Amino acid sequence: MYTCGEGVNCDYDKAIEWELKAIEGGEITALVNLGISYRVKGNIRKAKYWFERAIEAGDGSGALELAKLYMVSPKEEERAIEYLNLAITSSNMCEADIEEAQELLSELRGII
């Protein structure tokens, strides 16, 4: 709710607080959400850390988000492609995230 400002003012510090509580409670998807919150706040190092933890926990969305981080530099294109492929083949991904990963992969390969 704090991330999107749904029913409350948007507050990424509060969002991080609740995402950490969710992680303590075993909620795997909170790992990616926490990474996104840190990315929005500009802390790329912490965002990367939490996306990597999400992958380790079996959440392919972490790979998609890491790919997005690496897509900002042409020097990191191969790494972005690796993460996109990992996301696409992950057994724990929603259809929308798989489609997004496929579209990004096509863009990187110059298909679109």
N, C-alpha and C. Protein backbone atom coordinates (compact mmCIF):
# COMPACT_ATOMS: atom_id res chain seq x y z
N MET A 1 0.81 -1.20 0.00
CA MET A 1 0.00 0.00 0.00
C MET A 1 0.86 1.27 0.00
N TYR A 2 1.94 1.24 0.79
CA TYR A 2 2.80 2.41 0.85
C TYR A 2 3.58 2.63 -0.45
N THR A 3 3.89 1.55 -1.15
CA THR A 3 4.62 1.67 -2.40
C THR A 3 3.79 2.40 -3.46
N CYS A 4 2.52 2.05 -3.54
CA CYS A 4 1.64 2.60 -4.57
C CYS A 4 0.82 3.79 -4.08
N GLY A 5 0.85 4.05 -2.78
CA GLY A 5 0.04 5.13 -2.24
C GLY A 5 -1.45 4.79 -2.26
N GLU A 6 -1.77 3.52 -2.06
CA GLU A 6 -3.17 3.09 -2.06
C GLU A 6 -3.76 3.22 -0.66
N GLY A 7 -4.60 4.23 -0.47
CA GLY A 7 -5.24 4.45 0.81
C GLY A 7 -4.36 5.17 1.82
N VAL A 8 -3.11 5.37 1.49
CA VAL A 8 -2.15 6.09 2.34
C VAL A 8 -1.23 6.89 1.42
N ASN A 9 -0.49 7.81 2.00
CA ASN A 9 0.49 8.54 1.20
C ASN A 9 1.61 7.59 0.79
N CYS A 10 2.12 7.76 -0.40
CA CYS A 10 3.25 6.95 -0.87
C CYS A 10 4.44 7.23 0.04
N ASP A 11 5.02 6.16 0.59
CA ASP A 11 6.13 6.30 1.53
C ASP A 11 7.01 5.06 1.40
N TYR A 12 8.12 5.19 0.69
CA TYR A 12 8.97 4.03 0.45
C TYR A 12 9.69 3.56 1.71
N ASP A 13 9.95 4.45 2.65
CA ASP A 13 10.56 4.01 3.90
C ASP A 13 9.60 3.10 4.67
N LYS A 14 8.33 3.47 4.71
CA LYS A 14 7.32 2.61 5.35
C LYS A 14 7.14 1.32 4.57
N ALA A 15 7.18 1.41 3.25
CA ALA A 15 7.05 0.21 2.42
C ALA A 15 8.17 -0.77 2.74
N ILE A 16 9.39 -0.26 2.84
CA ILE A 16 10.54 -1.10 3.16
C ILE A 16 10.36 -1.76 4.52
N GLU A 17 9.87 -0.99 5.47
CA GLU A 17 9.62 -1.53 6.81
C GLU A 17 8.67 -2.73 6.76
N TRP A 18 7.58 -2.59 6.02
CA TRP A 18 6.59 -3.67 5.92
C TRP A 18 7.09 -4.83 5.06
N GLU A 19 7.86 -4.52 4.03
CA GLU A 19 8.41 -5.60 3.20
C GLU A 19 9.38 -6.45 4.00
N LEU A 20 10.19 -5.82 4.86
CA LEU A 20 11.09 -6.58 5.72
C LEU A 20 10.32 -7.48 6.68
N LYS A 21 9.21 -6.99 7.20
CA LYS A 21 8.36 -7.80 8.08
C LYS A 21 7.79 -8.99 7.31
N ALA A 22 7.39 -8.75 6.07
CA ALA A 22 6.84 -9.83 5.24
C ALA A 22 7.90 -10.89 4.97
N ILE A 23 9.12 -10.45 4.73
CA ILE A 23 10.22 -11.40 4.49
C ILE A 23 10.46 -12.24 5.74
N GLU A 24 10.45 -11.58 6.90
CA GLU A 24 10.61 -12.31 8.17
C GLU A 24 9.50 -13.36 8.33
N GLY A 25 8.33 -13.07 7.78
CA GLY A 25 7.20 -13.99 7.85
C GLY A 25 7.23 -15.06 6.77
N GLY A 26 8.25 -15.03 5.92
CA GLY A 26 8.41 -16.05 4.90
C GLY A 26 7.80 -15.74 3.55
N GLU A 27 7.41 -14.50 3.33
CA GLU A 27 6.79 -14.11 2.06
C GLU A 27 7.87 -13.85 1.01
N ILE A 28 8.03 -14.78 0.07
CA ILE A 28 9.09 -14.71 -0.93
C ILE A 28 8.92 -13.51 -1.87
N THR A 29 7.69 -13.20 -2.27
CA THR A 29 7.49 -12.10 -3.21
C THR A 29 7.91 -10.75 -2.62
N ALA A 30 7.98 -10.67 -1.31
CA ALA A 30 8.41 -9.42 -0.68
C ALA A 30 9.88 -9.12 -1.00
N LEU A 31 10.66 -10.15 -1.34
CA LEU A 31 12.06 -9.94 -1.69
C LEU A 31 12.17 -9.04 -2.92
N VAL A 32 11.38 -9.33 -3.94
CA VAL A 32 11.40 -8.51 -5.16
C VAL A 32 10.84 -7.13 -4.87
N ASN A 33 9.74 -7.08 -4.11
CA ASN A 33 9.14 -5.79 -3.78
C ASN A 33 10.12 -4.90 -3.03
N LEU A 34 10.89 -5.49 -2.12
CA LEU A 34 11.89 -4.74 -1.38
C LEU A 34 12.97 -4.21 -2.33
N GLY A 35 13.40 -5.05 -3.25
CA GLY A 35 14.37 -4.61 -4.24
C GLY A 35 13.86 -3.45 -5.07
N ILE A 36 12.60 -3.52 -5.46
CA ILE A 36 12.01 -2.42 -6.25
C ILE A 36 11.97 -1.14 -5.43
N SER A 37 11.60 -1.25 -4.16
CA SER A 37 11.55 -0.06 -3.30
C SER A 37 12.92 0.58 -3.20
N TYR A 38 13.96 -0.25 -3.01
CA TYR A 38 15.31 0.31 -2.95
C TYR A 38 15.73 0.91 -4.28
N ARG A 39 15.33 0.29 -5.39
CA ARG A 39 15.68 0.85 -6.70
C ARG A 39 15.03 2.22 -6.88
N VAL A 40 13.78 2.35 -6.50
CA VAL A 40 13.07 3.62 -6.63
C VAL A 40 13.74 4.69 -5.77
N LYS A 41 14.23 4.28 -4.60
CA LYS A 41 14.91 5.23 -3.71
C LYS A 41 16.33 5.55 -4.19
N GLY A 42 16.81 4.84 -5.23
CA GLY A 42 18.12 5.12 -5.79
C GLY A 42 19.25 4.30 -5.19
N ASN A 43 18.92 3.32 -4.35
CA ASN A 43 19.95 2.48 -3.74
C ASN A 43 20.06 1.19 -4.56
N ILE A 44 20.80 1.26 -5.64
CA ILE A 44 20.91 0.15 -6.59
C ILE A 44 21.62 -1.04 -5.96
N ARG A 45 22.60 -0.79 -5.12
CA ARG A 45 23.33 -1.89 -4.47
C ARG A 45 22.37 -2.75 -3.63
N LYS A 46 21.53 -2.11 -2.82
CA LYS A 46 20.58 -2.87 -2.01
C LYS A 46 19.51 -3.51 -2.88
N ALA A 47 19.09 -2.83 -3.94
CA ALA A 47 18.11 -3.41 -4.85
C ALA A 47 18.65 -4.70 -5.45
N LYS A 48 19.87 -4.65 -5.92
CA LYS A 48 20.52 -5.83 -6.52
C LYS A 48 20.60 -6.97 -5.50
N TYR A 49 20.98 -6.65 -4.28
CA TYR A 49 21.07 -7.66 -3.22
C TYR A 49 19.74 -8.38 -3.04
N TRP A 50 18.64 -7.64 -2.95
CA TRP A 50 17.34 -8.26 -2.71
C TRP A 50 16.82 -9.01 -3.94
N PHE A 51 17.13 -8.53 -5.14
CA PHE A 51 16.75 -9.27 -6.34
C PHE A 51 17.50 -10.61 -6.39
N GLU A 52 18.77 -10.58 -6.02
CA GLU A 52 19.54 -11.83 -5.98
C GLU A 52 18.97 -12.80 -4.94
N ARG A 53 18.55 -12.29 -3.79
CA ARG A 53 17.93 -13.15 -2.75
C ARG A 53 16.63 -13.75 -3.27
N ALA A 54 15.89 -12.98 -4.06
CA ALA A 54 14.64 -13.48 -4.63
C ALA A 54 14.93 -14.66 -5.57
N ILE A 55 15.94 -14.52 -6.40
CA ILE A 55 16.31 -15.62 -7.31
C ILE A 55 16.68 -16.85 -6.50
N GLU A 56 17.50 -16.66 -5.47
CA GLU A 56 17.90 -17.79 -4.62
C GLU A 56 16.70 -18.47 -3.98
N ALA A 57 15.66 -17.70 -3.69
CA ALA A 57 14.45 -18.24 -3.07
C ALA A 57 13.52 -18.87 -4.10
N GLY A 58 13.87 -18.76 -5.39
CA GLY A 58 13.06 -19.38 -6.43
C GLY A 58 12.09 -18.46 -7.14
N ASP A 59 12.19 -17.15 -6.90
CA ASP A 59 11.30 -16.20 -7.55
C ASP A 59 11.97 -15.63 -8.80
N GLY A 60 11.49 -16.04 -9.97
CA GLY A 60 12.07 -15.60 -11.23
C GLY A 60 11.92 -14.12 -11.50
N SER A 61 11.01 -13.46 -10.81
CA SER A 61 10.84 -12.02 -11.00
C SER A 61 12.09 -11.25 -10.59
N GLY A 62 12.86 -11.82 -9.67
CA GLY A 62 14.12 -11.21 -9.30
C GLY A 62 15.07 -11.13 -10.48
N ALA A 63 15.07 -12.17 -11.32
CA ALA A 63 15.92 -12.18 -12.51
C ALA A 63 15.47 -11.11 -13.50
N LEU A 64 14.17 -10.96 -13.66
CA LEU A 64 13.64 -9.92 -14.55
C LEU A 64 14.08 -8.54 -14.07
N GLU A 65 13.96 -8.30 -12.78
CA GLU A 65 14.33 -6.99 -12.24
C GLU A 65 15.84 -6.75 -12.33
N LEU A 66 16.64 -7.78 -12.13
CA LEU A 66 18.09 -7.63 -12.30
C LEU A 66 18.43 -7.32 -13.76
N ALA A 67 17.75 -7.98 -14.67
CA ALA A 67 17.98 -7.71 -16.10
C ALA A 67 17.73 -6.24 -16.40
N LYS A 68 16.68 -5.69 -15.83
CA LYS A 68 16.36 -4.27 -16.05
C LYS A 68 17.48 -3.38 -15.54
N LEU A 69 18.08 -3.76 -14.40
CA LEU A 69 19.20 -2.97 -13.89
C LEU A 69 20.37 -2.99 -14.85
N TYR A 70 20.64 -4.16 -15.42
CA TYR A 70 21.80 -4.29 -16.32
C TYR A 70 21.54 -3.74 -17.71
N MET A 71 20.30 -3.55 -18.07
CA MET A 71 19.99 -3.04 -19.41
C MET A 71 20.34 -1.56 -19.58
N VAL A 72 20.72 -0.88 -18.53
CA VAL A 72 21.05 0.54 -18.65
C VAL A 72 22.40 0.76 -19.32
N SER A 73 23.19 -0.30 -19.46
CA SER A 73 24.52 -0.16 -20.06
C SER A 73 24.71 -1.20 -21.16
N PRO A 74 25.10 -0.75 -22.36
CA PRO A 74 25.39 -1.70 -23.43
C PRO A 74 26.49 -2.70 -23.05
N LYS A 75 27.38 -2.30 -22.14
CA LYS A 75 28.46 -3.18 -21.70
C LYS A 75 27.93 -4.38 -20.92
N GLU A 76 26.73 -4.26 -20.38
CA GLU A 76 26.15 -5.33 -19.56
C GLU A 76 25.05 -6.10 -20.29
N GLU A 77 25.00 -5.95 -21.61
CA GLU A 77 23.95 -6.59 -22.39
C GLU A 77 23.92 -8.11 -22.22
N GLU A 78 25.07 -8.75 -22.23
CA GLU A 78 25.11 -10.21 -22.09
C GLU A 78 24.57 -10.65 -20.74
N ARG A 79 24.92 -9.92 -19.70
CA ARG A 79 24.41 -10.24 -18.37
C ARG A 79 22.89 -10.06 -18.32
N ALA A 80 22.39 -8.99 -18.94
CA ALA A 80 20.95 -8.76 -18.98
C ALA A 80 20.25 -9.91 -19.70
N ILE A 81 20.83 -10.37 -20.80
CA ILE A 81 20.26 -11.49 -21.56
C ILE A 81 20.23 -12.75 -20.70
N GLU A 82 21.29 -13.01 -19.96
CA GLU A 82 21.32 -14.18 -19.07
C GLU A 82 20.18 -14.13 -18.06
N TYR A 83 19.98 -12.96 -17.45
CA TYR A 83 18.91 -12.82 -16.46
C TYR A 83 17.53 -12.93 -17.09
N LEU A 84 17.37 -12.40 -18.29
CA LEU A 84 16.08 -12.51 -18.98
C LEU A 84 15.78 -13.97 -19.31
N ASN A 85 16.78 -14.69 -19.78
CA ASN A 85 16.58 -16.12 -20.05
C ASN A 85 16.23 -16.88 -18.78
N LEU A 86 16.89 -16.53 -17.68
CA LEU A 86 16.59 -17.17 -16.40
C LEU A 86 15.15 -16.87 -15.99
N ALA A 87 14.72 -15.64 -16.17
CA ALA A 87 13.35 -15.27 -15.83
C ALA A 87 12.34 -16.05 -16.67
N ILE A 88 12.59 -16.13 -17.96
CA ILE A 88 11.66 -16.80 -18.88
C ILE A 88 11.52 -18.28 -18.54
N THR A 89 12.61 -18.91 -18.12
CA THR A 89 12.58 -20.34 -17.83
C THR A 89 12.23 -20.67 -16.37
N SER A 90 12.05 -19.65 -15.57
CA SER A 90 11.72 -19.87 -14.16
C SER A 90 10.33 -20.49 -14.02
N SER A 91 10.21 -21.40 -13.09
CA SER A 91 8.91 -22.03 -12.85
C SER A 91 8.02 -21.18 -11.94
N ASN A 92 8.59 -20.11 -11.39
CA ASN A 92 7.83 -19.26 -10.48
C ASN A 92 7.76 -17.84 -11.02
N MET A 93 6.98 -17.69 -12.10
CA MET A 93 6.80 -16.39 -12.73
C MET A 93 5.36 -16.26 -13.19
N CYS A 94 4.80 -15.06 -13.04
CA CYS A 94 3.46 -14.84 -13.59
C CYS A 94 3.57 -14.61 -15.10
N GLU A 95 2.49 -14.83 -15.78
CA GLU A 95 2.48 -14.73 -17.25
C GLU A 95 2.89 -13.33 -17.72
N ALA A 96 2.46 -12.30 -17.02
CA ALA A 96 2.80 -10.93 -17.43
C ALA A 96 4.31 -10.69 -17.34
N ASP A 97 4.95 -11.22 -16.30
CA ASP A 97 6.40 -11.06 -16.17
C ASP A 97 7.15 -11.85 -17.24
N ILE A 98 6.66 -13.03 -17.58
CA ILE A 98 7.28 -13.81 -18.65
C ILE A 98 7.19 -13.05 -19.97
N GLU A 99 6.02 -12.49 -20.26
CA GLU A 99 5.83 -11.72 -21.49
C GLU A 99 6.76 -10.51 -21.51
N GLU A 100 6.88 -9.82 -20.37
CA GLU A 100 7.76 -8.66 -20.31
C GLU A 100 9.21 -9.08 -20.56
N ALA A 101 9.63 -10.17 -19.95
CA ALA A 101 11.00 -10.67 -20.15
C ALA A 101 11.23 -11.03 -21.62
N GLN A 102 10.25 -11.66 -22.26
CA GLN A 102 10.38 -12.02 -23.67
C GLN A 102 10.48 -10.78 -24.55
N GLU A 103 9.68 -9.76 -24.24
CA GLU A 103 9.73 -8.52 -25.02
C GLU A 103 11.08 -7.82 -24.86
N LEU A 104 11.58 -7.76 -23.63
CA LEU A 104 12.87 -7.13 -23.40
C LEU A 104 13.99 -7.89 -24.09
N LEU A 105 13.92 -9.21 -24.05
CA LEU A 105 14.91 -10.04 -24.72
C LEU A 105 14.88 -9.79 -26.23
N SER A 106 13.70 -9.69 -26.79
CA SER A 106 13.57 -9.40 -28.22
C SER A 106 14.17 -8.04 -28.56
N GLU A 107 13.94 -7.04 -27.70
CA GLU A 107 14.51 -5.72 -27.92
C GLU A 107 16.03 -5.77 -27.90
N LEU A 108 16.58 -6.49 -26.94
CA LEU A 108 18.04 -6.57 -26.85
C LEU A 108 18.64 -7.29 -28.06
N ARG A 109 17.94 -8.23 -28.57
CA ARG A 109 18.44 -8.99 -29.73
C ARG A 109 18.11 -8.31 -31.05
N GLY A 110 17.41 -7.16 -30.97
CA GLY A 110 17.10 -6.40 -32.17
C GLY A 110 15.99 -6.98 -33.02
N ILE A 111 15.15 -7.81 -32.42
CA ILE A 111 14.07 -8.44 -33.17
C ILE A 111 12.92 -7.46 -33.37
N ILE A 112 12.70 -6.62 -32.39
CA ILE A 112 11.58 -5.65 -32.50
C ILE A 112 12.09 -4.38 -33.11
